[in-house]
Amino acid sequence: MNREQIITSAEGRAKTPLHLYQFPPDAGSFIGTLMYRAWHPKSQCLVCYFDTDGGEHFKLMAWWKPDNDKAYQPRKSDISFADDVVNGSRWKCGFVIAKGGSTTWMTAEEVE
């Protein structure tokens, strides 16, 4: 388990530049480095913050899945971003934009 790297408090969020990260504006994918992970203060999800190879700062949300022993993962992935990853690792992430405009994290594949 790698949950010790996850930001858990308002104080922890205030000490990191999370405000620089935005949701991707369009469907697609990116390759980037996982910089931070933080529990959402109001929802049962884990927010993952990536610096992309293209110089962008994106965040994606991994939602709790109560029917799965590997919760907090992208929709079509078996990787738990709460337990199976470390900050500083590199990922190819795929996502779509839902009809309502929210970003849905679909896939994650670790890259070298």
C-alpha atoms as a PDB file:
ATOM      1  CA  MET A   1       0.000   0.000   0.000  1.00  0.00           C
ATOM      2  CA  ASN A   2       1.249   3.450  -0.888  1.00  0.00           C
ATOM      3  CA  ARG A   3      -1.311   5.616   0.848  1.00  0.00           C
ATOM      4  CA  GLU A   4       1.292   7.445   2.961  1.00  0.00           C
ATOM      5  CA  GLN A   5       2.005   9.734  -0.039  1.00  0.00           C
ATOM      6  CA  ILE A   6      -1.642  10.815  -0.346  1.00  0.00           C
ATOM      7  CA  ILE A   7      -2.516  14.302   0.853  1.00  0.00           C
ATOM      8  CA  THR A   8      -5.178  13.934   3.518  1.00  0.00           C
ATOM      9  CA  SER A   9      -5.739  17.402   4.994  1.00  0.00           C
ATOM     10  CA  ALA A  10      -6.566  20.979   4.071  1.00  0.00           C
ATOM     11  CA  GLU A  11      -3.140  21.939   5.396  1.00  0.00           C
ATOM     12  CA  GLY A  12      -1.485  19.414   3.077  1.00  0.00           C
ATOM     13  CA  ARG A  13      -3.464  20.705   0.088  1.00  0.00           C
ATOM     14  CA  ALA A  14      -2.477  24.297   0.952  1.00  0.00           C
ATOM     15  CA  LYS A  15       1.235  23.385   0.934  1.00  0.00           C
ATOM     16  CA  THR A  16       1.167  22.059  -2.632  1.00  0.00           C
ATOM     17  CA  PRO A  17       0.381  23.899  -5.901  1.00  0.00           C
ATOM     18  CA  LEU A  18      -2.812  21.931  -6.617  1.00  0.00           C
ATOM     19  CA  HIS A  19      -4.514  25.103  -7.874  1.00  0.00           C
ATOM     20  CA  LEU A  20      -2.303  24.966 -10.984  1.00  0.00           C
ATOM     21  CA  TYR A  21      -3.966  21.732 -12.172  1.00  0.00           C
ATOM     22  CA  GLN A  22      -7.073  21.658 -14.375  1.00  0.00           C
ATOM     23  CA  PHE A  23      -9.237  18.927 -15.843  1.00  0.00           C
ATOM     24  CA  PRO A  24      -8.334  18.176 -19.487  1.00  0.00           C
ATOM     25  CA  PRO A  25     -10.533  20.323 -21.751  1.00  0.00           C
ATOM     26  CA  ASP A  26     -11.083  17.666 -24.439  1.00  0.00           C
ATOM     27  CA  ALA A  27     -11.285  13.875 -24.653  1.00  0.00           C
ATOM     28  CA  GLY A  28      -8.020  12.115 -25.396  1.00  0.00           C
ATOM     29  CA  SER A  29      -4.919  10.952 -23.599  1.00  0.00           C
ATOM     30  CA  PHE A  30      -1.620  12.192 -22.250  1.00  0.00           C
ATOM     31  CA  ILE A  31       1.638  10.809 -20.943  1.00  0.00           C
ATOM     32  CA  GLY A  32       2.785  12.368 -17.726  1.00  0.00           C
ATOM     33  CA  THR A  33       4.248  12.058 -14.260  1.00  0.00           C
ATOM     34  CA  LEU A  34       2.019  11.537 -11.248  1.00  0.00           C
ATOM     35  CA  MET A  35       3.006  14.412  -8.976  1.00  0.00           C
ATOM     36  CA  TYR A  36       0.429  14.350  -6.176  1.00  0.00           C
ATOM     37  CA  ARG A  37      -2.574  12.413  -4.951  1.00  0.00           C
ATOM     38  CA  ALA A  38      -5.129  13.938  -2.597  1.00  0.00           C
ATOM     39  CA  TRP A  39      -8.380  12.786  -1.060  1.00  0.00           C
ATOM     40  CA  HIS A  40     -11.195  15.010  -2.241  1.00  0.00           C
ATOM     41  CA  PRO A  41     -12.438  17.043   0.738  1.00  0.00           C
ATOM     42  CA  LYS A  42     -16.147  16.534  -0.044  1.00  0.00           C
ATOM     43  CA  SER A  43     -16.478  13.448  -2.255  1.00  0.00           C
ATOM     44  CA  GLN A  44     -15.438   9.838  -1.974  1.00  0.00           C
ATOM     45  CA  CYS A  45     -12.749  10.043  -4.614  1.00  0.00           C
ATOM     46  CA  LEU A  46      -9.014  10.384  -5.032  1.00  0.00           C
ATOM     47  CA  VAL A  47      -7.741  13.274  -7.141  1.00  0.00           C
ATOM     48  CA  CYS A  48      -4.537  12.513  -9.066  1.00  0.00           C
ATOM     49  CA  TYR A  49      -2.351  15.344 -10.350  1.00  0.00           C
ATOM     50  CA  PHE A  50      -0.123  14.884 -13.396  1.00  0.00           C
ATOM     51  CA  ASP A  51       2.547  16.981 -15.110  1.00  0.00           C
ATOM     52  CA  THR A  52       2.302  16.019 -18.784  1.00  0.00           C
ATOM     53  CA  ASP A  53       5.191  15.629 -21.181  1.00  0.00           C
ATOM     54  CA  GLY A  54       3.650  18.558 -23.097  1.00  0.00           C
ATOM     55  CA  GLY A  55       4.042  20.892 -20.103  1.00  0.00           C
ATOM     56  CA  GLU A  56       0.407  20.875 -19.008  1.00  0.00           C
ATOM     57  CA  HIS A  57      -0.885  20.279 -15.480  1.00  0.00           C
ATOM     58  CA  PHE A  58      -3.924  17.978 -15.423  1.00  0.00           C
ATOM     59  CA  LYS A  59      -5.944  16.344 -12.689  1.00  0.00           C
ATOM     60  CA  LEU A  60      -8.130  13.258 -12.928  1.00  0.00           C
ATOM     61  CA  MET A  61     -10.498  11.717 -10.391  1.00  0.00           C
ATOM     62  CA  ALA A  62     -10.477   8.069  -9.349  1.00  0.00           C
ATOM     63  CA  TRP A  63     -13.810   7.186  -7.760  1.00  0.00           C
ATOM     64  CA  TRP A  64     -14.578   4.697  -5.013  1.00  0.00           C
ATOM     65  CA  LYS A  65     -15.929   1.421  -6.374  1.00  0.00           C
ATOM     66  CA  PRO A  66     -17.595  -0.470  -3.501  1.00  0.00           C
ATOM     67  CA  ASP A  67     -18.002  -3.648  -5.568  1.00  0.00           C
ATOM     68  CA  ASN A  68     -14.272  -3.894  -6.255  1.00  0.00           C
ATOM     69  CA  ASP A  69     -11.400  -4.721  -3.909  1.00  0.00           C
ATOM     70  CA  LYS A  70      -9.188  -2.343  -5.910  1.00  0.00           C
ATOM     71  CA  ALA A  71     -11.120   0.853  -5.451  1.00  0.00           C
ATOM     72  CA  TYR A  72      -9.982   4.298  -6.630  1.00  0.00           C
ATOM     73  CA  GLN A  73      -9.073   3.348 -10.167  1.00  0.00           C
ATOM     74  CA  PRO A  74      -9.878   4.603 -13.660  1.00  0.00           C
ATOM     75  CA  ARG A  75     -13.092   3.111 -15.039  1.00  0.00           C
ATOM     76  CA  LYS A  76     -11.439   0.510 -17.314  1.00  0.00           C
ATOM     77  CA  SER A  77      -8.368  -0.257 -15.218  1.00  0.00           C
ATOM     78  CA  ASP A  78      -7.383  -2.703 -12.496  1.00  0.00           C
ATOM     79  CA  ILE A  79      -4.790  -0.336 -11.012  1.00  0.00           C
ATOM     80  CA  SER A  80      -5.691   1.224  -7.664  1.00  0.00           C
ATOM     81  CA  PHE A  81      -4.252   4.717  -7.556  1.00  0.00           C
ATOM     82  CA  ALA A  82      -4.637   4.638  -3.781  1.00  0.00           C
ATOM     83  CA  ASP A  83      -2.631   1.457  -3.240  1.00  0.00           C
ATOM     84  CA  ASP A  84      -0.687   0.320  -6.321  1.00  0.00           C
ATOM     85  CA  VAL A  85       1.189   3.450  -7.446  1.00  0.00           C
ATOM     86  CA  VAL A  86       3.741   5.940  -6.158  1.00  0.00           C
ATOM     87  CA  ASN A  87       4.144   9.633  -6.785  1.00  0.00           C
ATOM     88  CA  GLY A  88       6.776  10.219  -9.455  1.00  0.00           C
ATOM     89  CA  SER A  89       5.664   7.277 -11.599  1.00  0.00           C
ATOM     90  CA  ARG A  90       4.798   7.849 -15.262  1.00  0.00           C
ATOM     91  CA  TRP A  91       1.449   7.066 -16.879  1.00  0.00           C
ATOM     92  CA  LYS A  92      -0.434   7.147 -20.129  1.00  0.00           C
ATOM     93  CA  CYS A  93      -3.958   8.205 -19.143  1.00  0.00           C
ATOM     94  CA  GLY A  94      -7.040   8.130 -21.362  1.00  0.00           C
ATOM     95  CA  PHE A  95     -10.226  10.058 -20.628  1.00  0.00           C
ATOM     96  CA  VAL A  96     -13.519  11.152 -22.133  1.00  0.00           C
ATOM     97  CA  ILE A  97     -15.775  14.138 -21.607  1.00  0.00           C
ATOM     98  CA  ALA A  98     -19.276  13.165 -20.471  1.00  0.00           C
ATOM     99  CA  LYS A  99     -22.425  14.795 -21.876  1.00  0.00           C
ATOM    100  CA  GLY A 100     -22.621  17.030 -18.812  1.00  0.00           C
ATOM    101  CA  GLY A 101     -19.075  18.265 -19.415  1.00  0.00           C
ATOM    102  CA  SER A 102     -17.269  16.381 -16.649  1.00  0.00           C
ATOM    103  CA  THR A 103     -14.091  14.427 -17.328  1.00  0.00           C
ATOM    104  CA  THR A 104     -14.218  10.642 -16.880  1.00  0.00           C
ATOM    105  CA  TRP A 105     -10.885   8.888 -16.407  1.00  0.00           C
ATOM    106  CA  MET A 106     -11.058   5.691 -18.444  1.00  0.00           C
ATOM    107  CA  THR A 107      -7.608   4.077 -18.677  1.00  0.00           C
ATOM    108  CA  ALA A 108      -4.133   4.155 -17.157  1.00  0.00           C
ATOM    109  CA  GLU A 109      -1.021   2.346 -18.303  1.00  0.00           C
ATOM    110  CA  GLU A 110       2.329   2.753 -16.583  1.00  0.00           C
ATOM    111  CA  VAL A 111       5.149   3.808 -18.925  1.00  0.00           C
ATOM    112  CA  GLU A 112       8.911   3.833 -18.517  1.00  0.00           C
END
